[in-house]
C-alpha atoms as a PDB file:
ATOM      1  CA  UNK A   1      45.581 102.056  70.216  1.00  0.00           C
ATOM      2  CA  UNK A   2      48.242  99.507  69.262  1.00  0.00           C
ATOM      3  CA  UNK A   3      50.772  98.088  71.735  1.00  0.00           C
ATOM      4  CA  UNK A   4      53.532 100.570  70.864  1.00  0.00           C
ATOM      5  CA  UNK A   5      51.153 103.485  71.272  1.00  0.00           C
ATOM      6  CA  UNK A   6      49.908 102.101  74.571  1.00  0.00           C
ATOM      7  CA  UNK A   7      53.465 101.671  75.856  1.00  0.00           C
ATOM      8  CA  UNK A   8      54.411 105.195  74.805  1.00  0.00           C
ATOM      9  CA  UNK A   9      51.256 106.560  76.422  1.00  0.00           C
ATOM     10  CA  UNK A  10      52.146 104.951  79.754  1.00  0.00           C
ATOM     11  CA  UNK A  11      55.751 106.104  79.404  1.00  0.00           C
ATOM     12  CA  UNK A  12      54.610 109.684  78.761  1.00  0.00           C
ATOM     13  CA  UNK A  13      52.457 109.479  81.899  1.00  0.00           C
ATOM     14  CA  UNK A  14      55.550 108.886  84.038  1.00  0.00           C
ATOM     15  CA  UNK A  15      55.737 105.112  84.211  1.00  0.00           C
ATOM     16  CA  UNK A  16      59.181 103.622  83.746  1.00  0.00           C
ATOM     17  CA  UNK A  17      60.407 101.832  80.638  1.00  0.00           C
ATOM     18  CA  UNK A  18      59.856  98.315  82.011  1.00  0.00           C
ATOM     19  CA  UNK A  19      56.352  99.170  83.217  1.00  0.00           C
ATOM     20  CA  UNK A  20      55.481 100.683  79.861  1.00  0.00           C
ATOM     21  CA  UNK A  21      56.551  97.563  77.990  1.00  0.00           C
ATOM     22  CA  UNK A  22      54.881  94.994  80.244  1.00  0.00           C
ATOM     23  CA  UNK A  23      51.582  96.881  80.584  1.00  0.00           C
ATOM     24  CA  UNK A  24      51.180  96.904  76.813  1.00  0.00           C
ATOM     25  CA  UNK A  25      51.051  93.077  76.931  1.00  0.00           C
ATOM     26  CA  UNK A  26      48.908  92.705  80.069  1.00  0.00           C
ATOM     27  CA  UNK A  27      45.924  91.589  78.000  1.00  0.00           C
ATOM     28  CA  UNK A  28      47.630  88.536  76.507  1.00  0.00           C
ATOM     29  CA  UNK A  29      49.242  87.778  79.859  1.00  0.00           C
ATOM     30  CA  UNK A  30      45.750  87.714  81.383  1.00  0.00           C
ATOM     31  CA  UNK A  31      46.744  90.146  84.114  1.00  0.00           C
ATOM     32  CA  UNK A  32      45.306  93.543  84.888  1.00  0.00           C
ATOM     33  CA  UNK A  33      47.259  96.713  84.206  1.00  0.00           C
ATOM     34  CA  UNK A  34      47.793  97.459  87.898  1.00  0.00           C
ATOM     35  CA  UNK A  35      49.443  94.073  88.419  1.00  0.00           C
ATOM     36  CA  UNK A  36      51.674  94.587  85.381  1.00  0.00           C
ATOM     37  CA  UNK A  37      52.688  98.047  86.571  1.00  0.00           C
ATOM     38  CA  UNK A  38      53.432  96.838  90.090  1.00  0.00           C
ATOM     39  CA  UNK A  39      55.495  93.868  88.852  1.00  0.00           C
ATOM     40  CA  UNK A  40      57.782  96.083  86.802  1.00  0.00           C
ATOM     41  CA  UNK A  41      57.962  99.082  89.124  1.00  0.00           C
ATOM     42  CA  UNK A  42      61.536  98.378  90.254  1.00  0.00           C
ATOM     43  CA  UNK A  43      62.947  97.525  86.840  1.00  0.00           C
ATOM     44  CA  UNK A  44      63.263 101.012  85.324  1.00  0.00           C
ATOM     45  CA  UNK A  45      66.574 102.747  84.807  1.00  0.00           C
ATOM     46  CA  UNK A  46      68.357  99.469  84.277  1.00  0.00           C
ATOM     47  CA  UNK A  47      67.010  97.739  87.413  1.00  0.00           C
ATOM     48  CA  UNK A  48      66.337 100.182  90.226  1.00  0.00           C
ATOM     49  CA  UNK A  49      68.180 102.947  88.390  1.00  0.00           C
ATOM     50  CA  UNK A  50      71.438 100.952  88.635  1.00  0.00           C
ATOM     51  CA  UNK A  51      71.786 101.245  84.845  1.00  0.00           C
ATOM     52  CA  UNK A  52      72.307  97.578  84.120  1.00  0.00           C
ATOM     53  CA  UNK A  53      70.065  95.923  81.548  1.00  0.00           C
ATOM     54  CA  UNK A  54      67.650  98.470  80.041  1.00  0.00           C
ATOM     55  CA  UNK A  55      64.196  98.406  81.624  1.00  0.00           C
ATOM     56  CA  UNK A  56      62.570  98.096  78.204  1.00  0.00           C
ATOM     57  CA  UNK A  57      64.531  94.884  77.783  1.00  0.00           C
ATOM     58  CA  UNK A  58      63.756  93.506  81.253  1.00  0.00           C
ATOM     59  CA  UNK A  59      60.089  94.340  80.720  1.00  0.00           C
ATOM     60  CA  UNK A  60      60.209  92.249  77.551  1.00  0.00           C
ATOM     61  CA  UNK A  61      61.961  89.440  79.444  1.00  0.00           C
ATOM     62  CA  UNK A  62      59.100  89.379  81.952  1.00  0.00           C
ATOM     63  CA  UNK A  63      56.540  89.086  79.165  1.00  0.00           C
ATOM     64  CA  UNK A  64      58.485  86.266  77.502  1.00  0.00           C
ATOM     65  CA  UNK A  65      58.876  84.484  80.822  1.00  0.00           C
ATOM     66  CA  UNK A  66      55.218  84.804  81.668  1.00  0.00           C
ATOM     67  CA  UNK A  67      54.045  83.548  78.292  1.00  0.00           C
ATOM     68  CA  UNK A  68      56.605  80.819  77.728  1.00  0.00           C
ATOM     69  CA  UNK A  69      58.444  80.262  81.001  1.00  0.00           C
ATOM     70  CA  UNK A  70      58.891  77.134  83.044  1.00  0.00           C
ATOM     71  CA  UNK A  71      56.282  76.804  85.780  1.00  0.00           C
ATOM     72  CA  UNK A  72      56.137  73.032  86.212  1.00  0.00           C
ATOM     73  CA  UNK A  73      58.867  70.878  87.667  1.00  0.00           C
ATOM     74  CA  UNK A  74      60.718  69.022  84.953  1.00  0.00           C
ATOM     75  CA  UNK A  75      59.581  71.273  82.100  1.00  0.00           C
ATOM     76  CA  UNK A  76      63.087  71.748  80.778  1.00  0.00           C
ATOM     77  CA  UNK A  77      61.788  72.392  77.264  1.00  0.00           C
ATOM     78  CA  UNK A  78      59.994  75.548  78.436  1.00  0.00           C
ATOM     79  CA  UNK A  79      63.166  76.677  80.185  1.00  0.00           C
ATOM     80  CA  UNK A  80      65.222  76.184  77.020  1.00  0.00           C
ATOM     81  CA  UNK A  81      62.666  77.920  74.814  1.00  0.00           C
ATOM     82  CA  UNK A  82      62.453  80.860  77.218  1.00  0.00           C
ATOM     83  CA  UNK A  83      66.220  81.228  77.325  1.00  0.00           C
ATOM     84  CA  UNK A  84      66.419  81.096  73.531  1.00  0.00           C
ATOM     85  CA  UNK A  85      63.660  83.695  73.094  1.00  0.00           C
ATOM     86  CA  UNK A  86      65.381  86.011  75.571  1.00  0.00           C
ATOM     87  CA  UNK A  87      68.708  85.578  73.797  1.00  0.00           C
ATOM     88  CA  UNK A  88      67.050  86.248  70.436  1.00  0.00           C
ATOM     89  CA  UNK A  89      65.303  89.331  71.802  1.00  0.00           C
ATOM     90  CA  UNK A  90      68.534  90.646  73.347  1.00  0.00           C
ATOM     91  CA  UNK A  91      70.505  90.142  70.159  1.00  0.00           C
ATOM     92  CA  UNK A  92      67.884  91.895  68.005  1.00  0.00           C
ATOM     93  CA  UNK A  93      67.437  94.769  70.475  1.00  0.00           C
ATOM     94  CA  UNK A  94      71.211  95.299  70.531  1.00  0.00           C
ATOM     95  CA  UNK A  95      71.296  95.263  66.710  1.00  0.00           C
ATOM     96  CA  UNK A  96      68.657  97.992  66.626  1.00  0.00           C
ATOM     97  CA  UNK A  97      69.973 100.104  69.496  1.00  0.00           C
ATOM     98  CA  UNK A  98      73.648  99.239  69.897  1.00  0.00           C
ATOM     99  CA  UNK A  99      73.435  97.520  73.292  1.00  0.00           C
ATOM    100  CA  UNK A 100      71.004  96.357  75.975  1.00  0.00           C
ATOM    101  CA  UNK A 101      72.834  98.292  78.726  1.00  0.00           C
ATOM    102  CA  UNK A 102      70.992 101.329  80.086  1.00  0.00           C
ATOM    103  CA  UNK A 103      74.056 103.427  80.885  1.00  0.00           C
ATOM    104  CA  UNK A 104      75.568 102.832  77.452  1.00  0.00           C
ATOM    105  CA  UNK A 105      72.228 103.543  75.759  1.00  0.00           C
ATOM    106  CA  UNK A 106      71.635 106.915  77.398  1.00  0.00           C
ATOM    107  CA  UNK A 107      75.226 108.050  78.128  1.00  0.00           C
ATOM    108  CA  UNK A 108      74.339 109.614  81.482  1.00  0.00           C
ATOM    109  CA  UNK A 109      74.966 108.491  85.051  1.00  0.00           C
ATOM    110  CA  UNK A 110      71.587 108.302  86.771  1.00  0.00           C
ATOM    111  CA  UNK A 111      73.160 107.417  90.125  1.00  0.00           C
ATOM    112  CA  UNK A 112      73.968 111.023  90.990  1.00  0.00           C
ATOM    113  CA  UNK A 113      71.658 114.019  91.261  1.00  0.00           C
ATOM    114  CA  UNK A 114      73.931 115.851  88.806  1.00  0.00           C
ATOM    115  CA  UNK A 115      73.752 113.028  86.281  1.00  0.00           C
ATOM    116  CA  UNK A 116      69.959 112.869  86.525  1.00  0.00           C
ATOM    117  CA  UNK A 117      69.774 116.637  86.113  1.00  0.00           C
ATOM    118  CA  UNK A 118      72.016 116.496  83.029  1.00  0.00           C
ATOM    119  CA  UNK A 119      69.890 113.679  81.572  1.00  0.00           C
ATOM    120  CA  UNK A 120      66.740 115.718  82.166  1.00  0.00           C
ATOM    121  CA  UNK A 121      68.284 118.826  80.586  1.00  0.00           C
ATOM    122  CA  UNK A 122      69.261 116.755  77.549  1.00  0.00           C
ATOM    123  CA  UNK A 123      65.694 115.377  77.428  1.00  0.00           C
ATOM    124  CA  UNK A 124      67.194 111.891  77.161  1.00  0.00           C
ATOM    125  CA  UNK A 125      64.118 110.152  78.548  1.00  0.00           C
ATOM    126  CA  UNK A 126      61.912 111.546  75.788  1.00  0.00           C
ATOM    127  CA  UNK A 127      64.502 111.628  73.009  1.00  0.00           C
ATOM    128  CA  UNK A 128      66.086 108.217  73.591  1.00  0.00           C
ATOM    129  CA  UNK A 129      64.262 106.082  76.145  1.00  0.00           C
ATOM    130  CA  UNK A 130      60.902 106.408  74.438  1.00  0.00           C
ATOM    131  CA  UNK A 131      62.522 104.962  71.303  1.00  0.00           C
ATOM    132  CA  UNK A 132      63.840 102.012  73.325  1.00  0.00           C
ATOM    133  CA  UNK A 133      60.355 101.389  74.720  1.00  0.00           C
ATOM    134  CA  UNK A 134      58.889 101.455  71.216  1.00  0.00           C
ATOM    135  CA  UNK A 135      61.538  99.192  69.704  1.00  0.00           C
ATOM    136  CA  UNK A 136      61.215  96.709  72.599  1.00  0.00           C
ATOM    137  CA  UNK A 137      57.451  96.455  72.122  1.00  0.00           C
ATOM    138  CA  UNK A 138      57.692  96.081  68.348  1.00  0.00           C
ATOM    139  CA  UNK A 139      60.427  93.466  68.605  1.00  0.00           C
ATOM    140  CA  UNK A 140      58.573  91.603  71.329  1.00  0.00           C
ATOM    141  CA  UNK A 141      55.449  91.505  69.165  1.00  0.00           C
ATOM    142  CA  UNK A 142      57.428  89.895  66.348  1.00  0.00           C
ATOM    143  CA  UNK A 143      58.908  87.297  68.678  1.00  0.00           C
ATOM    144  CA  UNK A 144      55.668  86.527  70.483  1.00  0.00           C
ATOM    145  CA  UNK A 145      53.460  86.281  67.438  1.00  0.00           C
ATOM    146  CA  UNK A 146      56.059  84.334  65.449  1.00  0.00           C
ATOM    147  CA  UNK A 147      57.664  82.018  67.998  1.00  0.00           C
ATOM    148  CA  UNK A 148      55.083  81.755  70.745  1.00  0.00           C
ATOM    149  CA  UNK A 149      52.249  81.790  68.215  1.00  0.00           C
ATOM    150  CA  UNK A 150      49.786  83.871  70.183  1.00  0.00           C
ATOM    151  CA  UNK A 151      47.198  86.082  68.581  1.00  0.00           C
END
């Protein structure tokens, strides 16, 4: 099973978009799947269902940060590289999907029971969100294996 398939499997099992992205990279992050799933549990629906930045995008940000982020005082190069990778990812995701904003991506208000019901009736989570999960994983793979040079 490749990373996209793994992410889509977790998404189809009821995990949120951020969880589905991060868990598909747990192996190269050297963390177990449970840890990955717990870390991203509040990031779905655009951060706690507030419909800000798409959870697929924030899941990718966490992977980039873990693999390339600053963890030592004074490591400003890591900070700059991380910021650049996140900006690159965001730009490419928006090119593919139109935006990185959850509410704009799905066109439903998840903050009301009626909005969630409408989104479910429209099957938006399967029809749209699964595509965002897949594109985030595929884009993240390109960035990681090209820029971060992991294998």
